[in-house]
Amino acid sequence: MKPNRIAPHVVTYLVSAQLLAQPCTLASLTRALGVRRADVRRTVSALHRDGYVDALRMRLTLKGLALGMVLCRYPLSPLRRTPAELKAAA
């Protein structure tokens, strides 16, 4: 799965974890999103390079927090398509 598809979900999850003062790890992020660990790691690394996430602490930067607060206002598209959507696409 591409990082640009997972990134909004990662950022919104980190916002909620950060606001609730809950620690976040790569494993907890992978479980919550239901995506492969390698895809989550690649996405977090890309967000780190762009200055949205501090990957060492698994926390959002101020820039990432601002983006995440905006993203939390809108519903995100699901990461996985339902069987009905897959059948309709075929």
Protein backbone atom coordinates (compact mmCIF):
# COMPACT_ATOMS: atom_id res chain seq x y z
CA MET A 1 0.00 0.00 0.00
CA LYS A 2 1.32 3.46 -0.85
CA PRO A 3 2.41 5.84 1.92
CA ASN A 4 0.25 8.69 0.62
CA ARG A 5 -2.86 6.53 1.14
CA ILE A 6 -1.89 5.51 4.68
CA ALA A 7 -0.48 8.88 5.82
CA PRO A 8 -3.79 10.58 6.76
CA HIS A 9 -4.74 7.58 8.89
CA VAL A 10 -1.35 7.57 10.61
CA VAL A 11 -1.55 11.29 11.37
CA THR A 12 -5.09 11.14 12.75
CA TYR A 13 -4.22 8.12 14.91
CA LEU A 14 -1.18 9.95 16.29
CA VAL A 15 -3.31 13.03 17.02
CA SER A 16 -5.76 11.01 19.08
CA ALA A 17 -2.97 9.19 20.91
CA GLN A 18 -1.12 12.41 21.59
CA LEU A 19 -4.23 14.23 22.87
CA LEU A 20 -4.99 11.31 25.21
CA ALA A 21 -1.32 11.18 26.32
CA GLN A 22 -1.09 7.54 25.26
CA PRO A 23 2.23 6.15 24.09
CA CYS A 24 2.32 5.02 20.49
CA THR A 25 4.59 2.41 18.96
CA LEU A 26 4.96 1.04 15.48
CA ALA A 27 3.25 -2.16 16.65
CA SER A 28 0.23 -0.34 18.10
CA LEU A 29 -0.07 1.78 14.97
CA THR A 30 0.09 -1.33 12.79
CA ARG A 31 -2.61 -3.06 14.85
CA ALA A 32 -4.90 -0.03 14.86
CA LEU A 33 -4.70 0.51 11.10
CA GLY A 34 -4.68 -3.14 10.06
CA VAL A 35 -1.89 -2.54 7.57
CA ARG A 36 1.42 -4.35 7.09
CA ARG A 37 4.24 -3.24 9.38
CA ALA A 38 6.53 -2.44 6.44
CA ASP A 39 3.91 -0.11 4.94
CA VAL A 40 3.42 1.71 8.23
CA ARG A 41 7.19 2.02 8.72
CA ARG A 42 7.60 3.42 5.20
CA THR A 43 4.80 5.92 5.80
CA VAL A 44 6.16 7.07 9.17
CA SER A 45 9.60 7.50 7.61
CA ALA A 46 8.15 9.61 4.80
CA LEU A 47 6.21 11.75 7.29
CA HIS A 48 9.42 12.13 9.32
CA ARG A 49 11.36 13.29 6.26
CA ASP A 50 8.64 15.84 5.48
CA GLY A 51 8.68 17.16 9.07
CA TYR A 52 5.27 15.96 10.25
CA VAL A 53 6.34 13.19 12.64
CA ASP A 54 9.24 12.68 15.02
CA ALA A 55 9.82 9.01 14.21
CA LEU A 56 12.16 8.42 17.16
CA ARG A 57 9.50 9.44 19.67
CA MET A 58 6.48 8.50 17.52
CA ARG A 59 4.96 11.91 18.14
CA LEU A 60 3.70 14.59 15.81
CA THR A 61 5.63 17.79 15.30
CA LEU A 62 3.78 21.08 15.53
CA LYS A 63 3.34 21.01 11.76
CA GLY A 64 1.98 17.45 11.95
CA LEU A 65 -0.35 18.30 14.82
CA ALA A 66 -1.82 21.19 12.84
CA LEU A 67 -2.37 18.94 9.83
CA GLY A 68 -3.84 16.21 12.01
CA MET A 69 -6.31 18.55 13.68
CA VAL A 70 -7.59 19.56 10.25
CA LEU A 71 -7.79 15.94 9.06
CA CYS A 72 -9.79 14.95 12.16
CA ARG A 73 -12.64 17.19 11.00
CA TYR A 74 -13.31 15.12 7.89
CA PRO A 75 -14.10 11.43 7.41
CA LEU A 76 -11.24 9.49 5.85
CA SER A 77 -11.73 6.99 3.08
CA PRO A 78 -11.30 3.40 4.29
CA LEU A 79 -7.91 1.78 3.75
CA ARG A 80 -9.44 -1.43 2.45
CA ARG A 81 -12.28 -1.80 -0.01
CA THR A 82 -15.27 -3.92 0.92
CA PRO A 83 -16.06 -7.11 -1.05
CA ALA A 84 -19.05 -5.37 -2.65
CA GLU A 85 -16.81 -2.56 -3.93
CA LEU A 86 -14.31 -5.08 -5.29
CA LYS A 87 -17.10 -6.96 -7.09
CA ALA A 88 -18.51 -3.74 -8.58
CA ALA A 89 -15.06 -2.71 -9.82
CA ALA A 90 -14.59 -6.02 -11.65
